[in-house]
Amino acid sequence: MDHTARFALPFLAPGQVHKEMQVNEGLQRIDLLLGALVEGPPANDPPAAPLVGQAYLVAEAPTGDWAGNAGAIAGFTDGGWRFIPPADGVQVQNRTTGEAMVRRDGAWETGVLRAREVRVGEQKVLGERQPPIMVPASGSVVDLEARSAIADIVASLQAHGLIGG
């Protein structure tokens, strides 16, 4: 094997000539992946005037300099384009929207936060979805104003996805 399994970082071989080229290629790839920031959503066409250090996500029907690199992370370096096929689990941040993008099942998932719970400090503020709260329908004492307020609260919680419907 002459490269790593996930990101094709080149290995050095014993007695290899020009080892610095292999090391530099590996460093270019690491630089693109470490704290990865992309310029926008996947695109098929490379930008007309990219800056060194900018990275992009290549869409499924790439053209021009990106042809043949569908789905890759394309980074522009002083030596031209470098393409890294992303492994599932790779996360990048979209510079334009600030959203996280995660590679899942061979596609980019955008703006989805997956967690079992959310904590602020040590206080759990969101957890697993709970059973639905039933909206009051009747009773021996009817308070229409309270029932209306409770129904509005339940509807709001449902609209935000915090409780089931």
C-alpha atoms as a PDB file:
ATOM      1  CA  MET A   1       0.000   0.000   0.000  1.00  0.00           C
ATOM      2  CA  ASP A   2       1.435   3.378  -0.953  1.00  0.00           C
ATOM      3  CA  HIS A   3      -1.199   5.636   0.642  1.00  0.00           C
ATOM      4  CA  THR A   4      -3.609   5.818   3.571  1.00  0.00           C
ATOM      5  CA  ALA A   5      -6.992   4.162   3.203  1.00  0.00           C
ATOM      6  CA  ARG A   6      -9.328   7.074   3.959  1.00  0.00           C
ATOM      7  CA  PHE A   7      -7.744  10.153   2.370  1.00  0.00           C
ATOM      8  CA  ALA A   8      -5.001   8.742   0.129  1.00  0.00           C
ATOM      9  CA  LEU A   9      -2.229  10.510   2.066  1.00  0.00           C
ATOM     10  CA  PRO A  10       0.996   9.278   0.469  1.00  0.00           C
ATOM     11  CA  PHE A  11       3.373   7.006   2.372  1.00  0.00           C
ATOM     12  CA  LEU A  12       7.119   7.303   2.043  1.00  0.00           C
ATOM     13  CA  ALA A  13       8.871   4.268   0.613  1.00  0.00           C
ATOM     14  CA  PRO A  14      12.330   3.084   1.741  1.00  0.00           C
ATOM     15  CA  GLY A  15      14.994   4.482  -0.565  1.00  0.00           C
ATOM     16  CA  GLN A  16      12.470   6.699  -2.308  1.00  0.00           C
ATOM     17  CA  VAL A  17      13.827   9.537  -4.415  1.00  0.00           C
ATOM     18  CA  HIS A  18      12.305  13.014  -3.891  1.00  0.00           C
ATOM     19  CA  LYS A  19      10.662  12.168  -0.561  1.00  0.00           C
ATOM     20  CA  GLU A  20       9.888  15.837  -0.090  1.00  0.00           C
ATOM     21  CA  MET A  21       7.367  15.624  -2.937  1.00  0.00           C
ATOM     22  CA  GLN A  22       5.433  12.879  -1.138  1.00  0.00           C
ATOM     23  CA  VAL A  23       5.572  14.727   2.178  1.00  0.00           C
ATOM     24  CA  ASN A  24       4.484  18.001   0.571  1.00  0.00           C
ATOM     25  CA  GLU A  25       1.574  16.287  -1.214  1.00  0.00           C
ATOM     26  CA  GLY A  26       0.449  14.799   2.097  1.00  0.00           C
ATOM     27  CA  LEU A  27       0.700  18.192   3.789  1.00  0.00           C
ATOM     28  CA  GLN A  28      -1.392  19.803   1.016  1.00  0.00           C
ATOM     29  CA  ARG A  29      -4.134  17.221   1.593  1.00  0.00           C
ATOM     30  CA  ILE A  30      -4.007  17.586   5.379  1.00  0.00           C
ATOM     31  CA  ASP A  31      -4.197  21.367   5.013  1.00  0.00           C
ATOM     32  CA  LEU A  32      -7.413  21.021   2.997  1.00  0.00           C
ATOM     33  CA  LEU A  33      -9.030  18.632   5.490  1.00  0.00           C
ATOM     34  CA  LEU A  34      -7.971  20.113   8.823  1.00  0.00           C
ATOM     35  CA  GLY A  35     -10.742  22.461   9.950  1.00  0.00           C
ATOM     36  CA  ALA A  36     -12.154  22.186   6.428  1.00  0.00           C
ATOM     37  CA  LEU A  37     -13.915  25.285   5.146  1.00  0.00           C
ATOM     38  CA  VAL A  38     -15.581  25.232   1.720  1.00  0.00           C
ATOM     39  CA  GLU A  39     -16.753  28.215  -0.287  1.00  0.00           C
ATOM     40  CA  GLY A  40     -20.337  27.018  -0.790  1.00  0.00           C
ATOM     41  CA  PRO A  41     -22.545  24.065  -1.648  1.00  0.00           C
ATOM     42  CA  PRO A  42     -21.433  21.453  -4.213  1.00  0.00           C
ATOM     43  CA  ALA A  43     -20.924  22.884  -7.706  1.00  0.00           C
ATOM     44  CA  ASN A  44     -20.167  21.356 -11.105  1.00  0.00           C
ATOM     45  CA  ASP A  45     -18.118  24.238 -12.505  1.00  0.00           C
ATOM     46  CA  PRO A  46     -14.791  25.330 -11.052  1.00  0.00           C
ATOM     47  CA  PRO A  47     -14.529  29.017 -10.139  1.00  0.00           C
ATOM     48  CA  ALA A  48     -12.926  31.303 -12.706  1.00  0.00           C
ATOM     49  CA  ALA A  49     -10.366  32.824 -10.327  1.00  0.00           C
ATOM     50  CA  PRO A  50      -9.891  30.701  -7.187  1.00  0.00           C
ATOM     51  CA  LEU A  51      -7.471  31.829  -4.497  1.00  0.00           C
ATOM     52  CA  VAL A  52      -4.777  29.575  -3.097  1.00  0.00           C
ATOM     53  CA  GLY A  53      -6.174  27.853  -0.027  1.00  0.00           C
ATOM     54  CA  GLN A  54      -9.823  27.931  -1.072  1.00  0.00           C
ATOM     55  CA  ALA A  55     -11.732  24.647  -1.132  1.00  0.00           C
ATOM     56  CA  TYR A  56     -14.904  23.623  -2.903  1.00  0.00           C
ATOM     57  CA  LEU A  57     -17.225  20.626  -3.055  1.00  0.00           C
ATOM     58  CA  VAL A  58     -17.460  19.069  -6.493  1.00  0.00           C
ATOM     59  CA  ALA A  59     -21.024  18.083  -7.519  1.00  0.00           C
ATOM     60  CA  GLU A  60     -22.025  14.994  -9.502  1.00  0.00           C
ATOM     61  CA  ALA A  61     -21.469  16.309 -13.063  1.00  0.00           C
ATOM     62  CA  PRO A  62     -18.195  18.269 -12.920  1.00  0.00           C
ATOM     63  CA  THR A  63     -16.809  20.195 -15.876  1.00  0.00           C
ATOM     64  CA  GLY A  64     -13.489  21.751 -16.869  1.00  0.00           C
ATOM     65  CA  ASP A  65     -10.594  21.201 -14.465  1.00  0.00           C
ATOM     66  CA  TRP A  66     -12.933  19.294 -12.150  1.00  0.00           C
ATOM     67  CA  ALA A  67     -14.035  16.694 -14.742  1.00  0.00           C
ATOM     68  CA  GLY A  68     -13.727  13.149 -13.412  1.00  0.00           C
ATOM     69  CA  ASN A  69     -13.730  14.215  -9.743  1.00  0.00           C
ATOM     70  CA  ALA A  70     -17.420  14.013  -8.840  1.00  0.00           C
ATOM     71  CA  GLY A  71     -18.067  14.228  -5.104  1.00  0.00           C
ATOM     72  CA  ALA A  72     -14.507  15.263  -4.218  1.00  0.00           C
ATOM     73  CA  ILE A  73     -13.257  18.126  -2.099  1.00  0.00           C
ATOM     74  CA  ALA A  74     -11.344  20.355  -4.521  1.00  0.00           C
ATOM     75  CA  GLY A  75      -8.654  22.544  -3.033  1.00  0.00           C
ATOM     76  CA  PHE A  76      -6.761  25.162  -4.988  1.00  0.00           C
ATOM     77  CA  THR A  77      -3.040  25.228  -4.198  1.00  0.00           C
ATOM     78  CA  ASP A  78      -0.023  26.982  -5.682  1.00  0.00           C
ATOM     79  CA  GLY A  79       0.455  23.794  -7.733  1.00  0.00           C
ATOM     80  CA  GLY A  80      -3.132  23.751  -9.064  1.00  0.00           C
ATOM     81  CA  TRP A  81      -6.149  21.718  -8.024  1.00  0.00           C
ATOM     82  CA  ARG A  82      -5.911  18.890  -5.484  1.00  0.00           C
ATOM     83  CA  PHE A  83      -8.851  16.482  -5.191  1.00  0.00           C
ATOM     84  CA  ILE A  84      -9.662  14.471  -2.108  1.00  0.00           C
ATOM     85  CA  PRO A  85     -12.430  11.896  -2.245  1.00  0.00           C
ATOM     86  CA  PRO A  86     -14.250  12.419   1.062  1.00  0.00           C
ATOM     87  CA  ALA A  87     -14.909   9.497   3.356  1.00  0.00           C
ATOM     88  CA  ASP A  88     -18.213   9.183   5.168  1.00  0.00           C
ATOM     89  CA  GLY A  89     -18.053  11.169   8.398  1.00  0.00           C
ATOM     90  CA  VAL A  90     -15.940  14.026   7.001  1.00  0.00           C
ATOM     91  CA  GLN A  91     -17.289  17.378   8.120  1.00  0.00           C
ATOM     92  CA  VAL A  92     -16.754  20.732   6.424  1.00  0.00           C
ATOM     93  CA  GLN A  93     -18.176  24.157   7.098  1.00  0.00           C
ATOM     94  CA  ASN A  94     -19.858  26.185   4.360  1.00  0.00           C
ATOM     95  CA  ARG A  95     -18.296  29.656   4.443  1.00  0.00           C
ATOM     96  CA  THR A  96     -21.361  31.332   2.891  1.00  0.00           C
ATOM     97  CA  THR A  97     -24.002  29.940   5.264  1.00  0.00           C
ATOM     98  CA  GLY A  98     -21.930  28.917   8.284  1.00  0.00           C
ATOM     99  CA  GLU A  99     -23.674  25.532   8.219  1.00  0.00           C
ATOM    100  CA  ALA A 100     -21.918  22.267   8.903  1.00  0.00           C
ATOM    101  CA  MET A 101     -21.929  19.758   6.071  1.00  0.00           C
ATOM    102  CA  VAL A 102     -21.270  16.095   6.810  1.00  0.00           C
ATOM    103  CA  ARG A 103     -20.600  13.314   4.312  1.00  0.00           C
ATOM    104  CA  ARG A 104     -23.170  10.551   4.949  1.00  0.00           C
ATOM    105  CA  ASP A 105     -23.850   7.577   2.695  1.00  0.00           C
ATOM    106  CA  GLY A 106     -21.932   9.143  -0.189  1.00  0.00           C
ATOM    107  CA  ALA A 107     -23.712  12.526  -0.135  1.00  0.00           C
ATOM    108  CA  TRP A 108     -23.348  15.858   1.662  1.00  0.00           C
ATOM    109  CA  GLU A 109     -25.894  16.397   4.443  1.00  0.00           C
ATOM    110  CA  THR A 110     -26.327  20.104   5.091  1.00  0.00           C
ATOM    111  CA  GLY A 111     -27.525  21.918   8.191  1.00  0.00           C
ATOM    112  CA  VAL A 112     -28.534  18.814  10.147  1.00  0.00           C
ATOM    113  CA  LEU A 113     -27.436  18.562  13.761  1.00  0.00           C
ATOM    114  CA  ARG A 114     -27.534  15.044  15.173  1.00  0.00           C
ATOM    115  CA  ALA A 115     -27.386  14.554  18.914  1.00  0.00           C
ATOM    116  CA  ARG A 116     -29.031  12.628  21.735  1.00  0.00           C
ATOM    117  CA  GLU A 117     -29.259  15.713  23.915  1.00  0.00           C
ATOM    118  CA  VAL A 118     -28.312  19.375  24.095  1.00  0.00           C
ATOM    119  CA  ARG A 119     -26.803  20.828  27.249  1.00  0.00           C
ATOM    120  CA  VAL A 120     -26.126  24.413  28.226  1.00  0.00           C
ATOM    121  CA  GLY A 121     -23.543  24.223  30.965  1.00  0.00           C
ATOM    122  CA  GLU A 122     -24.629  21.197  32.948  1.00  0.00           C
ATOM    123  CA  GLN A 123     -28.342  21.780  32.265  1.00  0.00           C
ATOM    124  CA  LYS A 124     -30.008  19.413  29.789  1.00  0.00           C
ATOM    125  CA  VAL A 125     -32.303  21.564  27.645  1.00  0.00           C
ATOM    126  CA  LEU A 126     -33.263  19.092  24.889  1.00  0.00           C
ATOM    127  CA  GLY A 127     -33.370  15.332  24.936  1.00  0.00           C
ATOM    128  CA  GLU A 128     -35.156  12.454  23.268  1.00  0.00           C
ATOM    129  CA  ARG A 129     -38.617  13.176  21.956  1.00  0.00           C
ATOM    130  CA  GLN A 130     -41.278  12.490  24.565  1.00  0.00           C
ATOM    131  CA  PRO A 131     -44.793  11.130  24.071  1.00  0.00           C
ATOM    132  CA  PRO A 132     -47.310  13.707  22.843  1.00  0.00           C
ATOM    133  CA  ILE A 133     -49.086  15.965  25.307  1.00  0.00           C
ATOM    134  CA  MET A 134     -52.792  15.580  24.910  1.00  0.00           C
ATOM    135  CA  VAL A 135     -54.768  18.751  24.297  1.00  0.00           C
ATOM    136  CA  PRO A 136     -57.579  19.099  26.857  1.00  0.00           C
ATOM    137  CA  ALA A 137     -60.932  18.259  25.299  1.00  0.00           C
ATOM    138  CA  SER A 138     -63.417  18.274  28.127  1.00  0.00           C
ATOM    139  CA  GLY A 139     -63.866  17.960  31.842  1.00  0.00           C
ATOM    140  CA  SER A 140     -66.180  18.703  34.695  1.00  0.00           C
ATOM    141  CA  VAL A 141     -64.901  22.279  34.963  1.00  0.00           C
ATOM    142  CA  VAL A 142     -64.446  24.031  31.638  1.00  0.00           C
ATOM    143  CA  ASP A 143     -62.095  26.982  31.454  1.00  0.00           C
ATOM    144  CA  LEU A 144     -62.048  28.014  27.778  1.00  0.00           C
ATOM    145  CA  GLU A 145     -59.328  30.656  28.230  1.00  0.00           C
ATOM    146  CA  ALA A 146     -56.919  28.186  29.885  1.00  0.00           C
ATOM    147  CA  ARG A 147     -57.745  25.476  27.355  1.00  0.00           C
ATOM    148  CA  SER A 148     -57.052  27.881  24.480  1.00  0.00           C
ATOM    149  CA  ALA A 149     -53.692  28.928  25.994  1.00  0.00           C
ATOM    150  CA  ILE A 150     -52.659  25.299  26.536  1.00  0.00           C
ATOM    151  CA  ALA A 151     -53.677  24.387  22.984  1.00  0.00           C
ATOM    152  CA  ASP A 152     -51.546  27.270  21.646  1.00  0.00           C
ATOM    153  CA  ILE A 153     -48.531  26.106  23.709  1.00  0.00           C
ATOM    154  CA  VAL A 154     -48.911  22.522  22.508  1.00  0.00           C
ATOM    155  CA  ALA A 155     -49.274  23.662  18.877  1.00  0.00           C
ATOM    156  CA  SER A 156     -46.147  25.797  19.177  1.00  0.00           C
ATOM    157  CA  LEU A 157     -44.107  22.946  20.685  1.00  0.00           C
ATOM    158  CA  GLN A 158     -45.318  20.643  17.900  1.00  0.00           C
ATOM    159  CA  ALA A 159     -44.489  23.201  15.205  1.00  0.00           C
ATOM    160  CA  HIS A 160     -40.934  23.431  16.550  1.00  0.00           C
ATOM    161  CA  GLY A 161     -40.613  19.653  16.561  1.00  0.00           C
ATOM    162  CA  LEU A 162     -40.093  19.515  20.300  1.00  0.00           C
ATOM    163  CA  ILE A 163     -43.044  17.185  20.922  1.00  0.00           C
ATOM    164  CA  GLY A 164     -44.973  14.736  18.772  1.00  0.00           C
ATOM    165  CA  GLY A 165     -48.317  15.536  17.191  1.00  0.00           C
END
